[in-house]
PDB file of N, CA and C in Angstrom:
ATOM      1  N   MET A   1     -16.791 155.012 181.044  1.00  0.00           N
ATOM      2  CA  MET A   1     -17.504 153.883 181.602  1.00  0.00           C
ATOM      3  C   MET A   1     -16.826 153.493 182.906  1.00  0.00           C
ATOM      4  N   HIS A   2     -17.624 153.072 183.845  1.00  0.00           N
ATOM      5  CA  HIS A   2     -17.100 152.650 185.149  1.00  0.00           C
ATOM      6  C   HIS A   2     -16.264 151.384 184.963  1.00  0.00           C
ATOM      7  N   PRO A   3     -15.127 151.308 185.659  1.00  0.00           N
ATOM      8  CA  PRO A   3     -14.257 150.131 185.478  1.00  0.00           C
ATOM      9  C   PRO A   3     -14.957 148.804 185.822  1.00  0.00           C
ATOM     10  N   ARG A   4     -15.783 148.809 186.838  1.00  0.00           N
ATOM     11  CA  ARG A   4     -16.479 147.574 187.225  1.00  0.00           C
ATOM     12  C   ARG A   4     -17.475 147.155 186.140  1.00  0.00           C
ATOM     13  N   ALA A   5     -18.171 148.138 185.527  1.00  0.00           N
ATOM     14  CA  ALA A   5     -19.109 147.833 184.459  1.00  0.00           C
ATOM     15  C   ALA A   5     -18.374 147.250 183.258  1.00  0.00           C
ATOM     16  N   ALA A   6     -17.218 147.826 182.901  1.00  0.00           N
ATOM     17  CA  ALA A   6     -16.433 147.310 181.785  1.00  0.00           C
ATOM     18  C   ALA A   6     -15.968 145.882 182.060  1.00  0.00           C
ATOM     19  N   GLU A   7     -15.593 145.604 183.308  1.00  0.00           N
ATOM     20  CA  GLU A   7     -15.151 144.254 183.681  1.00  0.00           C
ATOM     21  C   GLU A   7     -16.297 143.247 183.556  1.00  0.00           C
ATOM     22  N   LEU A   8     -17.486 143.634 184.023  1.00  0.00           N
ATOM     23  CA  LEU A   8     -18.650 142.742 183.934  1.00  0.00           C
ATOM     24  C   LEU A   8     -19.047 142.475 182.485  1.00  0.00           C
ATOM     25  N   ILE A   9     -18.983 143.507 181.651  1.00  0.00           N
ATOM     26  CA  ILE A   9     -19.310 143.337 180.236  1.00  0.00           C
ATOM     27  C   ILE A   9     -18.311 142.395 179.574  1.00  0.00           C
ATOM     28  N   ALA A  10     -17.023 142.545 179.887  1.00  0.00           N
ATOM     29  CA  ALA A  10     -15.994 141.683 179.311  1.00  0.00           C
ATOM     30  C   ALA A  10     -16.188 140.236 179.753  1.00  0.00           C
ATOM     31  N   GLN A  11     -16.526 140.023 181.022  1.00  0.00           N
ATOM     32  CA  GLN A  11     -16.778 138.663 181.507  1.00  0.00           C
ATOM     33  C   GLN A  11     -17.985 138.036 180.814  1.00  0.00           C
ATOM     34  N   THR A  12     -19.038 138.811 180.660  1.00  0.00           N
ATOM     35  CA  THR A  12     -20.248 138.307 180.016  1.00  0.00           C
ATOM     36  C   THR A  12     -19.973 137.943 178.563  1.00  0.00           C
ATOM     37  N   LEU A  13     -19.260 138.799 177.845  1.00  0.00           N
ATOM     38  CA  LEU A  13     -18.922 138.506 176.454  1.00  0.00           C
ATOM     39  C   LEU A  13     -18.038 137.270 176.343  1.00  0.00           C
ATOM     40  N   ALA A  14     -17.115 137.089 177.279  1.00  0.00           N
ATOM     41  CA  ALA A  14     -16.257 135.904 177.255  1.00  0.00           C
ATOM     42  C   ALA A  14     -17.075 134.636 177.461  1.00  0.00           C
ATOM     43  N   ARG A  15     -18.052 134.663 178.368  1.00  0.00           N
ATOM     44  CA  ARG A  15     -18.903 133.483 178.603  1.00  0.00           C
ATOM     45  C   ARG A  15     -19.752 133.178 177.379  1.00  0.00           C
ATOM     46  N   VAL A  16     -20.279 134.230 176.729  1.00  0.00           N
ATOM     47  CA  VAL A  16     -21.112 134.021 175.550  1.00  0.00           C
ATOM     48  C   VAL A  16     -20.284 133.423 174.419  1.00  0.00           C
ATOM     49  N   GLN A  17     -19.085 133.925 174.204  1.00  0.00           N
ATOM     50  CA  GLN A  17     -18.227 133.398 173.148  1.00  0.00           C
ATOM     51  C   GLN A  17     -17.769 131.980 173.457  1.00  0.00           C
ATOM     52  N   ALA A  18     -17.596 131.661 174.737  1.00  0.00           N
ATOM     53  CA  ALA A  18     -17.199 130.300 175.124  1.00  0.00           C
ATOM     54  C   ALA A  18     -18.303 129.302 174.814  1.00  0.00           C
ATOM     55  N   ARG A  19     -19.538 129.727 174.856  1.00  0.00           N
ATOM     56  CA  ARG A  19     -20.664 128.837 174.557  1.00  0.00           C
ATOM     57  C   ARG A  19     -20.862 128.636 173.059  1.00  0.00           C
ATOM     58  N   GLY A  20     -20.137 129.376 172.252  1.00  0.00           N
ATOM     59  CA  GLY A  20     -20.235 129.189 170.810  1.00  0.00           C
ATOM     60  C   GLY A  20     -21.245 130.090 170.140  1.00  0.00           C
ATOM     61  N   PHE A  21     -21.638 131.165 170.769  1.00  0.00           N
ATOM     62  CA  PHE A  21     -22.591 132.103 170.177  1.00  0.00           C
ATOM     63  C   PHE A  21     -21.832 132.990 169.205  1.00  0.00           C
ATOM     64  N   ASN A  22     -22.178 132.909 167.919  1.00  0.00           N
ATOM     65  CA  ASN A  22     -21.450 133.646 166.888  1.00  0.00           C
ATOM     66  C   ASN A  22     -22.235 134.827 166.343  1.00  0.00           C
ATOM     67  N   GLY A  23     -23.195 135.305 167.051  1.00  0.00           N
ATOM     68  CA  GLY A  23     -24.000 136.417 166.579  1.00  0.00           C
ATOM     69  C   GLY A  23     -25.459 136.023 166.494  1.00  0.00           C
ATOM     70  N   LEU A  24     -26.262 136.916 166.008  1.00  0.00           N
ATOM     71  CA  LEU A  24     -27.695 136.659 165.904  1.00  0.00           C
ATOM     72  C   LEU A  24     -27.987 135.736 164.734  1.00  0.00           C
ATOM     73  N   GLN A  25     -28.820 134.769 164.976  1.00  0.00           N
ATOM     74  CA  GLN A  25     -29.245 133.850 163.919  1.00  0.00           C
ATOM     75  C   GLN A  25     -30.473 134.442 163.229  1.00  0.00           C
ATOM     76  N   PRO A  26     -30.570 134.342 161.918  1.00  0.00           N
ATOM     77  CA  PRO A  26     -31.747 134.892 161.242  1.00  0.00           C
ATOM     78  C   PRO A  26     -32.998 134.090 161.604  1.00  0.00           C
ATOM     79  N   ILE A  27     -34.109 134.776 161.706  1.00  0.00           N
ATOM     80  CA  ILE A  27     -35.383 134.146 162.002  1.00  0.00           C
ATOM     81  C   ILE A  27     -35.969 133.636 160.688  1.00  0.00           C
ATOM     82  N   PRO A  28     -36.377 132.370 160.650  1.00  0.00           N
ATOM     83  CA  PRO A  28     -36.959 131.883 159.385  1.00  0.00           C
ATOM     84  C   PRO A  28     -38.259 132.618 159.083  1.00  0.00           C
ATOM     85  N   MET A  29     -38.400 133.049 157.858  1.00  0.00           N
ATOM     86  CA  MET A  29     -39.576 133.802 157.435  1.00  0.00           C
ATOM     87  C   MET A  29     -40.353 132.986 156.414  1.00  0.00           C
ATOM     88  N   ALA A  30     -41.647 133.112 156.462  1.00  0.00           N
ATOM     89  CA  ALA A  30     -42.499 132.469 155.467  1.00  0.00           C
ATOM     90  C   ALA A  30     -42.364 133.217 154.146  1.00  0.00           C
ATOM     91  N   PRO A  31     -42.425 132.514 153.043  1.00  0.00           N
ATOM     92  CA  PRO A  31     -42.314 133.218 151.752  1.00  0.00           C
ATOM     93  C   PRO A  31     -43.518 134.124 151.525  1.00  0.00           C
ATOM     94  N   VAL A  32     -43.249 135.273 150.952  1.00  0.00           N
ATOM     95  CA  VAL A  32     -44.299 136.245 150.687  1.00  0.00           C
ATOM     96  C   VAL A  32     -44.883 135.966 149.313  1.00  0.00           C
ATOM     97  N   GLU A  33     -46.186 135.768 149.271  1.00  0.00           N
ATOM     98  CA  GLU A  33     -46.850 135.546 148.005  1.00  0.00           C
ATOM     99  C   GLU A  33     -47.205 136.889 147.390  1.00  0.00           C
ATOM    100  N   SER A  34     -47.414 136.888 146.105  1.00  0.00           N
ATOM    101  CA  SER A  34     -47.778 138.142 145.456  1.00  0.00           C
ATOM    102  C   SER A  34     -49.180 138.548 145.894  1.00  0.00           C
ATOM    103  N   ILE A  35     -49.363 139.818 146.104  1.00  0.00           N
ATOM    104  CA  ILE A  35     -50.626 140.370 146.564  1.00  0.00           C
ATOM    105  C   ILE A  35     -51.214 141.211 145.442  1.00  0.00           C
ATOM    106  N   ALA A  36     -52.475 140.979 145.154  1.00  0.00           N
ATOM    107  CA  ALA A  36     -53.125 141.736 144.096  1.00  0.00           C
ATOM    108  C   ALA A  36     -53.271 143.193 144.530  1.00  0.00           C
ATOM    109  N   PRO A  37     -53.054 144.137 143.621  1.00  0.00           N
ATOM    110  CA  PRO A  37     -53.192 145.549 143.992  1.00  0.00           C
ATOM    111  C   PRO A  37     -54.647 145.889 144.304  1.00  0.00           C
ATOM    112  N   VAL A  38     -54.814 146.843 145.181  1.00  0.00           N
ATOM    113  CA  VAL A  38     -56.144 147.296 145.569  1.00  0.00           C
ATOM    114  C   VAL A  38     -56.685 148.209 144.480  1.00  0.00           C
ATOM    115  N   ARG A  39     -57.948 147.987 144.121  1.00  0.00           N
ATOM    116  CA  ARG A  39     -58.568 148.828 143.108  1.00  0.00           C
ATOM    117  C   ARG A  39     -58.899 150.186 143.727  1.00  0.00           C
ATOM    118  N   GLN A  40     -58.377 151.226 143.135  1.00  0.00           N
ATOM    119  CA  GLN A  40     -58.609 152.572 143.638  1.00  0.00           C
ATOM    120  C   GLN A  40     -59.940 153.085 143.107  1.00  0.00           C
ATOM    121  N   GLY A  41     -60.795 153.528 144.001  1.00  0.00           N
ATOM    122  CA  GLY A  41     -62.079 154.088 143.599  1.00  0.00           C
ATOM    123  C   GLY A  41     -61.968 155.567 143.304  1.00  0.00           C
ATOM    124  N   SER A  42     -62.961 156.083 142.685  1.00  0.00           N
ATOM    125  CA  SER A  42     -63.000 157.499 142.372  1.00  0.00           C
ATOM    126  C   SER A  42     -63.571 158.262 143.565  1.00  0.00           C
ATOM    127  N   LEU A  43     -62.887 159.304 143.986  1.00  0.00           N
ATOM    128  CA  LEU A  43     -63.371 160.106 145.103  1.00  0.00           C
ATOM    129  C   LEU A  43     -64.386 161.152 144.655  1.00  0.00           C
ATOM    130  N   ASP A  44     -64.507 161.361 143.332  1.00  0.00           N
ATOM    131  CA  ASP A  44     -65.444 162.365 142.837  1.00  0.00           C
ATOM    132  C   ASP A  44     -66.887 161.883 142.869  1.00  0.00           C
ATOM    133  N   HIS A  45     -67.087 160.577 142.862  1.00  0.00           N
ATOM    134  CA  HIS A  45     -68.442 160.032 142.778  1.00  0.00           C
ATOM    135  C   HIS A  45     -68.760 159.284 144.068  1.00  0.00           C
ATOM    136  N   ASP A  46     -69.848 159.630 144.690  1.00  0.00           N
ATOM    137  CA  ASP A  46     -70.290 158.944 145.894  1.00  0.00           C
ATOM    138  C   ASP A  46     -71.304 157.893 145.488  1.00  0.00           C
ATOM    139  N   GLU A  47     -70.913 156.619 145.596  1.00  0.00           N
ATOM    140  CA  GLU A  47     -71.782 155.551 145.116  1.00  0.00           C
ATOM    141  C   GLU A  47     -73.026 155.370 145.970  1.00  0.00           C
ATOM    142  N   PHE A  48     -73.027 155.906 147.196  1.00  0.00           N
ATOM    143  CA  PHE A  48     -74.187 155.768 148.062  1.00  0.00           C
ATOM    144  C   PHE A  48     -75.123 156.975 147.981  1.00  0.00           C
ATOM    145  N   ALA A  49     -74.756 158.000 147.224  1.00  0.00           N
ATOM    146  CA  ALA A  49     -75.591 159.196 147.140  1.00  0.00           C
ATOM    147  C   ALA A  49     -76.933 158.886 146.485  1.00  0.00           C
ATOM    148  N   GLU A  50     -76.936 157.968 145.515  1.00  0.00           N
ATOM    149  CA  GLU A  50     -78.189 157.626 144.849  1.00  0.00           C
ATOM    150  C   GLU A  50     -79.110 156.821 145.766  1.00  0.00           C
ATOM    151  N   ILE A  51     -78.521 156.111 146.719  1.00  0.00           N
ATOM    152  CA  ILE A  51     -79.315 155.237 147.578  1.00  0.00           C
ATOM    153  C   ILE A  51     -80.131 156.048 148.581  1.00  0.00           C
ATOM    154  N   ASP A  52     -79.457 156.953 149.304  1.00  0.00           N
ATOM    155  CA  ASP A  52     -80.176 157.684 150.345  1.00  0.00           C
ATOM    156  C   ASP A  52     -80.552 159.102 149.932  1.00  0.00           C
ATOM    157  N   GLY A  53     -80.108 159.549 148.760  1.00  0.00           N
ATOM    158  CA  GLY A  53     -80.504 160.853 148.263  1.00  0.00           C
ATOM    159  C   GLY A  53     -79.814 162.021 148.941  1.00  0.00           C
ATOM    160  N   THR A  54     -78.767 161.785 149.710  1.00  0.00           N
ATOM    161  CA  THR A  54     -78.065 162.870 150.385  1.00  0.00           C
ATOM    162  C   THR A  54     -76.788 163.195 149.638  1.00  0.00           C
ATOM    163  N   THR A  55     -76.407 164.426 149.696  1.00  0.00           N
ATOM    164  CA  THR A  55     -75.120 164.833 149.152  1.00  0.00           C
ATOM    165  C   THR A  55     -74.369 165.534 150.265  1.00  0.00           C
ATOM    166  N   PRO A  56     -73.058 165.292 150.356  1.00  0.00           N
ATOM    167  CA  PRO A  56     -72.299 165.930 151.424  1.00  0.00           C
ATOM    168  C   PRO A  56     -72.210 167.441 151.234  1.00  0.00           C
ATOM    169  N   LEU A  57     -71.989 168.138 152.316  1.00  0.00           N
ATOM    170  CA  LEU A  57     -71.823 169.587 152.242  1.00  0.00           C
ATOM    171  C   LEU A  57     -70.561 169.929 151.471  1.00  0.00           C
ATOM    172  N   PRO A  58     -70.543 171.056 150.752  1.00  0.00           N
ATOM    173  CA  PRO A  58     -69.329 171.432 150.043  1.00  0.00           C
ATOM    174  C   PRO A  58     -68.199 171.663 151.034  1.00  0.00           C
ATOM    175  N   GLY A  59     -67.052 171.105 150.731  1.00  0.00           N
ATOM    176  CA  GLY A  59     -65.893 171.266 151.598  1.00  0.00           C
ATOM    177  C   GLY A  59     -65.789 170.222 152.683  1.00  0.00           C
ATOM    178  N   ALA A  60     -66.811 169.409 152.860  1.00  0.00           N
ATOM    179  CA  ALA A  60     -66.763 168.370 153.891  1.00  0.00           C
ATOM    180  C   ALA A  60     -66.058 167.146 153.331  1.00  0.00           C
ATOM    181  N   PRO A  61     -65.167 166.532 154.117  1.00  0.00           N
ATOM    182  CA  PRO A  61     -64.522 165.316 153.644  1.00  0.00           C
ATOM    183  C   PRO A  61     -65.525 164.169 153.600  1.00  0.00           C
ATOM    184  N   PRO A  62     -65.242 163.114 152.853  1.00  0.00           N
ATOM    185  CA  PRO A  62     -66.169 161.984 152.818  1.00  0.00           C
ATOM    186  C   PRO A  62     -66.297 161.366 154.208  1.00  0.00           C
ATOM    187  N   LEU A  63     -67.481 160.889 154.522  1.00  0.00           N
ATOM    188  CA  LEU A  63     -67.720 160.324 155.844  1.00  0.00           C
ATOM    189  C   LEU A  63     -66.955 159.017 156.005  1.00  0.00           C
ATOM    190  N   THR A  64     -66.226 158.920 157.092  1.00  0.00           N
ATOM    191  CA  THR A  64     -65.547 157.675 157.426  1.00  0.00           C
ATOM    192  C   THR A  64     -66.495 156.820 158.252  1.00  0.00           C
ATOM    193  N   HIS A  65     -66.052 155.628 158.558  1.00  0.00           N
ATOM    194  CA  HIS A  65     -66.886 154.725 159.353  1.00  0.00           C
ATOM    195  C   HIS A  65     -67.177 155.349 160.725  1.00  0.00           C
ATOM    196  N   LEU A  66     -66.153 155.942 161.346  1.00  0.00           N
ATOM    197  CA  LEU A  66     -66.369 156.572 162.650  1.00  0.00           C
ATOM    198  C   LEU A  66     -67.305 157.759 162.540  1.00  0.00           C
ATOM    199  N   ALA A  67     -67.144 158.554 161.489  1.00  0.00           N
ATOM    200  CA  ALA A  67     -68.006 159.729 161.321  1.00  0.00           C
ATOM    201  C   ALA A  67     -69.455 159.304 161.109  1.00  0.00           C
ATOM    202  N   GLU A  68     -69.659 158.208 160.388  1.00  0.00           N
ATOM    203  CA  GLU A  68     -71.023 157.712 160.188  1.00  0.00           C
ATOM    204  C   GLU A  68     -71.645 157.286 161.516  1.00  0.00           C
ATOM    205  N   ARG A  69     -70.841 156.636 162.360  1.00  0.00           N
ATOM    206  CA  ARG A  69     -71.374 156.193 163.649  1.00  0.00           C
ATOM    207  C   ARG A  69     -71.652 157.386 164.563  1.00  0.00           C
ATOM    208  N   VAL A  70     -70.758 158.389 164.537  1.00  0.00           N
ATOM    209  CA  VAL A  70     -70.978 159.591 165.343  1.00  0.00           C
ATOM    210  C   VAL A  70     -72.244 160.297 164.869  1.00  0.00           C
ATOM    211  N   LEU A  71     -72.423 160.402 163.541  1.00  0.00           N
ATOM    212  CA  LEU A  71     -73.606 161.052 162.991  1.00  0.00           C
ATOM    213  C   LEU A  71     -74.881 160.321 163.401  1.00  0.00           C
ATOM    214  N   SER A  72     -74.890 159.000 163.292  1.00  0.00           N
ATOM    215  CA  SER A  72     -76.106 158.256 163.636  1.00  0.00           C
ATOM    216  C   SER A  72     -76.447 158.391 165.114  1.00  0.00           C
ATOM    217  N   MET A  73     -75.427 158.386 165.976  1.00  0.00           N
ATOM    218  CA  MET A  73     -75.696 158.523 167.408  1.00  0.00           C
ATOM    219  C   MET A  73     -76.117 159.946 167.755  1.00  0.00           C
ATOM    220  N   ALA A  74     -75.567 160.947 167.041  1.00  0.00           N
ATOM    221  CA  ALA A  74     -75.964 162.332 167.289  1.00  0.00           C
ATOM    222  C   ALA A  74     -77.416 162.540 166.884  1.00  0.00           C
ATOM    223  N   LEU A  75     -77.826 161.916 165.784  1.00  0.00           N
ATOM    224  CA  LEU A  75     -79.214 162.042 165.345  1.00  0.00           C
ATOM    225  C   LEU A  75     -80.180 161.359 166.304  1.00  0.00           C
ATOM    226  N   ARG A  76     -79.700 160.343 167.029  1.00  0.00           N
ATOM    227  CA  ARG A  76     -80.547 159.663 168.016  1.00  0.00           C
ATOM    228  C   ARG A  76     -80.603 160.406 169.345  1.00  0.00           C
ATOM    229  N   GLY A  77     -79.869 161.520 169.451  1.00  0.00           N
ATOM    230  CA  GLY A  77     -79.936 162.338 170.659  1.00  0.00           C
ATOM    231  C   GLY A  77     -78.856 162.064 171.677  1.00  0.00           C
ATOM    232  N   CYS A  78     -77.799 161.363 171.300  1.00  0.00           N
ATOM    233  CA  CYS A  78     -76.706 161.091 172.233  1.00  0.00           C
ATOM    234  C   CYS A  78     -75.818 162.329 172.390  1.00  0.00           C
ATOM    235  N   THR A  79     -75.187 162.442 173.538  1.00  0.00           N
ATOM    236  CA  THR A  79     -74.227 163.517 173.774  1.00  0.00           C
ATOM    237  C   THR A  79     -72.850 163.063 173.290  1.00  0.00           C
ATOM    238  N   PRO A  80     -71.915 163.995 173.092  1.00  0.00           N
ATOM    239  CA  PRO A  80     -70.559 163.594 172.697  1.00  0.00           C
ATOM    240  C   PRO A  80     -69.914 162.634 173.702  1.00  0.00           C
ATOM    241  N   HIS A  81     -70.224 162.837 174.984  1.00  0.00           N
ATOM    242  CA  HIS A  81     -69.670 161.949 176.005  1.00  0.00           C
ATOM    243  C   HIS A  81     -70.228 160.533 175.850  1.00  0.00           C
ATOM    244  N   MET A  82     -71.517 160.420 175.577  1.00  0.00           N
ATOM    245  CA  MET A  82     -72.128 159.103 175.395  1.00  0.00           C
ATOM    246  C   MET A  82     -71.574 158.417 174.147  1.00  0.00           C
ATOM    247  N   VAL A  83     -71.370 159.181 173.085  1.00  0.00           N
ATOM    248  CA  VAL A  83     -70.809 158.629 171.855  1.00  0.00           C
ATOM    249  C   VAL A  83     -69.382 158.141 172.113  1.00  0.00           C
ATOM    250  N   ALA A  84     -68.597 158.951 172.824  1.00  0.00           N
ATOM    251  CA  ALA A  84     -67.219 158.576 173.128  1.00  0.00           C
ATOM    252  C   ALA A  84     -67.176 157.292 173.947  1.00  0.00           C
ATOM    253  N   HIS A  85     -68.074 157.184 174.897  1.00  0.00           N
ATOM    254  CA  HIS A  85     -68.115 155.979 175.732  1.00  0.00           C
ATOM    255  C   HIS A  85     -68.484 154.758 174.892  1.00  0.00           C
ATOM    256  N   GLU A  86     -69.451 154.909 174.012  1.00  0.00           N
ATOM    257  CA  GLU A  86     -69.911 153.788 173.181  1.00  0.00           C
ATOM    258  C   GLU A  86     -68.843 153.344 172.188  1.00  0.00           C
ATOM    259  N   LEU A  87     -68.133 154.312 171.574  1.00  0.00           N
ATOM    260  CA  LEU A  87     -67.130 154.000 170.562  1.00  0.00           C
ATOM    261  C   LEU A  87     -65.744 153.799 171.154  1.00  0.00           C
ATOM    262  N   ARG A  88     -65.625 153.962 172.464  1.00  0.00           N
ATOM    263  CA  ARG A  88     -64.342 153.826 173.172  1.00  0.00           C
ATOM    264  C   ARG A  88     -63.295 154.797 172.613  1.00  0.00           C
ATOM    265  N   LEU A  89     -63.732 156.052 172.472  1.00  0.00           N
ATOM    266  CA  LEU A  89     -62.855 157.138 172.033  1.00  0.00           C
ATOM    267  C   LEU A  89     -62.831 158.205 173.112  1.00  0.00           C
ATOM    268  N   HIS A  90     -61.902 159.127 172.997  1.00  0.00           N
ATOM    269  CA  HIS A  90     -61.860 160.263 173.909  1.00  0.00           C
ATOM    270  C   HIS A  90     -62.915 161.270 173.445  1.00  0.00           C
ATOM    271  N   PRO A  91     -63.615 161.938 174.370  1.00  0.00           N
ATOM    272  CA  PRO A  91     -64.633 162.909 173.951  1.00  0.00           C
ATOM    273  C   PRO A  91     -64.087 164.012 173.034  1.00  0.00           C
ATOM    274  N   LYS A  92     -62.828 164.401 173.215  1.00  0.00           N
ATOM    275  CA  LYS A  92     -62.250 165.414 172.332  1.00  0.00           C
ATOM    276  C   LYS A  92     -62.155 164.895 170.898  1.00  0.00           C
ATOM    277  N   ARG A  93     -61.843 163.616 170.746  1.00  0.00           N
ATOM    278  CA  ARG A  93     -61.754 163.030 169.410  1.00  0.00           C
ATOM    279  C   ARG A  93     -63.138 162.989 168.744  1.00  0.00           C
ATOM    280  N   VAL A  94     -64.164 162.680 169.529  1.00  0.00           N
ATOM    281  CA  VAL A  94     -65.530 162.659 168.993  1.00  0.00           C
ATOM    282  C   VAL A  94     -65.932 164.058 168.544  1.00  0.00           C
ATOM    283  N   ARG A  95     -65.626 165.068 169.352  1.00  0.00           N
ATOM    284  CA  ARG A  95     -65.976 166.440 168.966  1.00  0.00           C
ATOM    285  C   ARG A  95     -65.188 166.877 167.732  1.00  0.00           C
ATOM    286  N   GLN A  96     -63.935 166.419 167.602  1.00  0.00           N
ATOM    287  CA  GLN A  96     -63.131 166.759 166.422  1.00  0.00           C
ATOM    288  C   GLN A  96     -63.726 166.135 165.163  1.00  0.00           C
ATOM    289  N   ILE A  97     -64.149 164.871 165.255  1.00  0.00           N
ATOM    290  CA  ILE A  97     -64.784 164.219 164.111  1.00  0.00           C
ATOM    291  C   ILE A  97     -66.061 164.965 163.735  1.00  0.00           C
ATOM    292  N   ALA A  98     -66.849 165.331 164.745  1.00  0.00           N
ATOM    293  CA  ALA A  98     -68.096 166.056 164.485  1.00  0.00           C
ATOM    294  C   ALA A  98     -67.808 167.413 163.829  1.00  0.00           C
ATOM    295  N   ARG A  99     -66.785 168.103 164.282  1.00  0.00           N
ATOM    296  CA  ARG A  99     -66.449 169.404 163.703  1.00  0.00           C
ATOM    297  C   ARG A  99     -65.949 169.247 162.267  1.00  0.00           C
ATOM    298  N   ASP A 100     -65.138 168.225 161.996  1.00  0.00           N
ATOM    299  CA  ASP A 100     -64.605 168.016 160.654  1.00  0.00           C
ATOM    300  C   ASP A 100     -65.695 167.674 159.642  1.00  0.00           C
ATOM    301  N   HIS A 101     -66.752 166.995 160.103  1.00  0.00           N
ATOM    302  CA  HIS A 101     -67.797 166.527 159.188  1.00  0.00           C
ATOM    303  C   HIS A 101     -69.105 167.306 159.338  1.00  0.00           C
ATOM    304  N   PHE A 102     -69.050 168.451 160.003  1.00  0.00           N
ATOM    305  CA  PHE A 102     -70.213 169.329 160.173  1.00  0.00           C
ATOM    306  C   PHE A 102     -71.381 168.590 160.826  1.00  0.00           C
ATOM    307  N   ILE A 103     -71.079 167.808 161.851  1.00  0.00           N
ATOM    308  CA  ILE A 103     -72.101 167.077 162.601  1.00  0.00           C
ATOM    309  C   ILE A 103     -72.415 167.894 163.843  1.00  0.00           C
ATOM    310  N   THR A 104     -73.705 168.138 164.096  1.00  0.00           N
ATOM    311  CA  THR A 104     -74.096 168.877 165.291  1.00  0.00           C
ATOM    312  C   THR A 104     -74.844 167.945 166.236  1.00  0.00           C
ATOM    313  N   PHE A 105     -74.565 168.119 167.506  1.00  0.00           N
ATOM    314  CA  PHE A 105     -75.257 167.364 168.543  1.00  0.00           C
ATOM    315  C   PHE A 105     -76.403 168.216 169.073  1.00  0.00           C
ATOM    316  N   ASN A 106     -77.561 167.605 169.268  1.00  0.00           N
ATOM    317  CA  ASN A 106     -78.695 168.334 169.820  1.00  0.00           C
ATOM    318  C   ASN A 106     -78.501 168.606 171.305  1.00  0.00           C
ATOM    319  N   ARG A 107     -77.774 167.731 171.964  1.00  0.00           N
ATOM    320  CA  ARG A 107     -77.512 167.880 173.403  1.00  0.00           C
ATOM    321  C   ARG A 107     -76.012 167.803 173.622  1.00  0.00           C
ATOM    322  N   GLN A 108     -75.499 168.625 174.515  1.00  0.00           N
ATOM    323  CA  GLN A 108     -74.081 168.576 174.846  1.00  0.00           C
ATOM    324  C   GLN A 108     -73.836 167.857 176.159  1.00  0.00           C
ATOM    325  N   ARG A 109     -74.830 167.856 177.036  1.00  0.00           N
ATOM    326  CA  ARG A 109     -74.688 167.211 178.343  1.00  0.00           C
ATOM    327  C   ARG A 109     -75.874 166.317 178.596  1.00  0.00           C
ATOM    328  N   SER A 110     -75.645 165.309 179.403  1.00  0.00           N
ATOM    329  CA  SER A 110     -76.756 164.422 179.790  1.00  0.00           C
ATOM    330  C   SER A 110     -77.700 165.158 180.704  1.00  0.00           C
ATOM    331  N   GLU A 111     -78.949 164.764 180.705  1.00  0.00           N
ATOM    332  CA  GLU A 111     -79.957 165.418 181.528  1.00  0.00           C
ATOM    333  C   GLU A 111     -80.097 164.693 182.866  1.00  0.00           C
ATOM    334  N   GLU A 112     -79.003 164.138 183.371  1.00  0.00           N
ATOM    335  CA  GLU A 112     -79.054 163.439 184.658  1.00  0.00           C
ATOM    336  C   GLU A 112     -78.946 164.451 185.782  1.00  0.00           C
ATOM    337  N   SER A 113     -79.711 164.243 186.804  1.00  0.00           N
ATOM    338  CA  SER A 113     -79.664 165.159 187.954  1.00  0.00           C
ATOM    339  C   SER A 113     -79.325 164.416 189.214  1.00  0.00           C
TER     340      SER A 113
END
């Protein structure tokens, strides 16, 4: 360590100790109440399958909230770029979600000229 830096550190520590600082004071914390455990659902049964009559493809993971939104926008004819802009995601992330959940886009690019 540089001698000047060591001198400055020693001076600073001496001033702090002169003021009566004896270390870090604990931050008061609110008491933690007991939290009820979350009920774990069964992943084998899709409770919404009876409602819309669809069953997921074999090997496809269950649709997440983002995957559902990507699917609905893809069915409406949006491009991955438009979906990414709407959901505030990176286009690569949107394409990854679509690939993981077997979602296909009808259009890949906007028809703007």
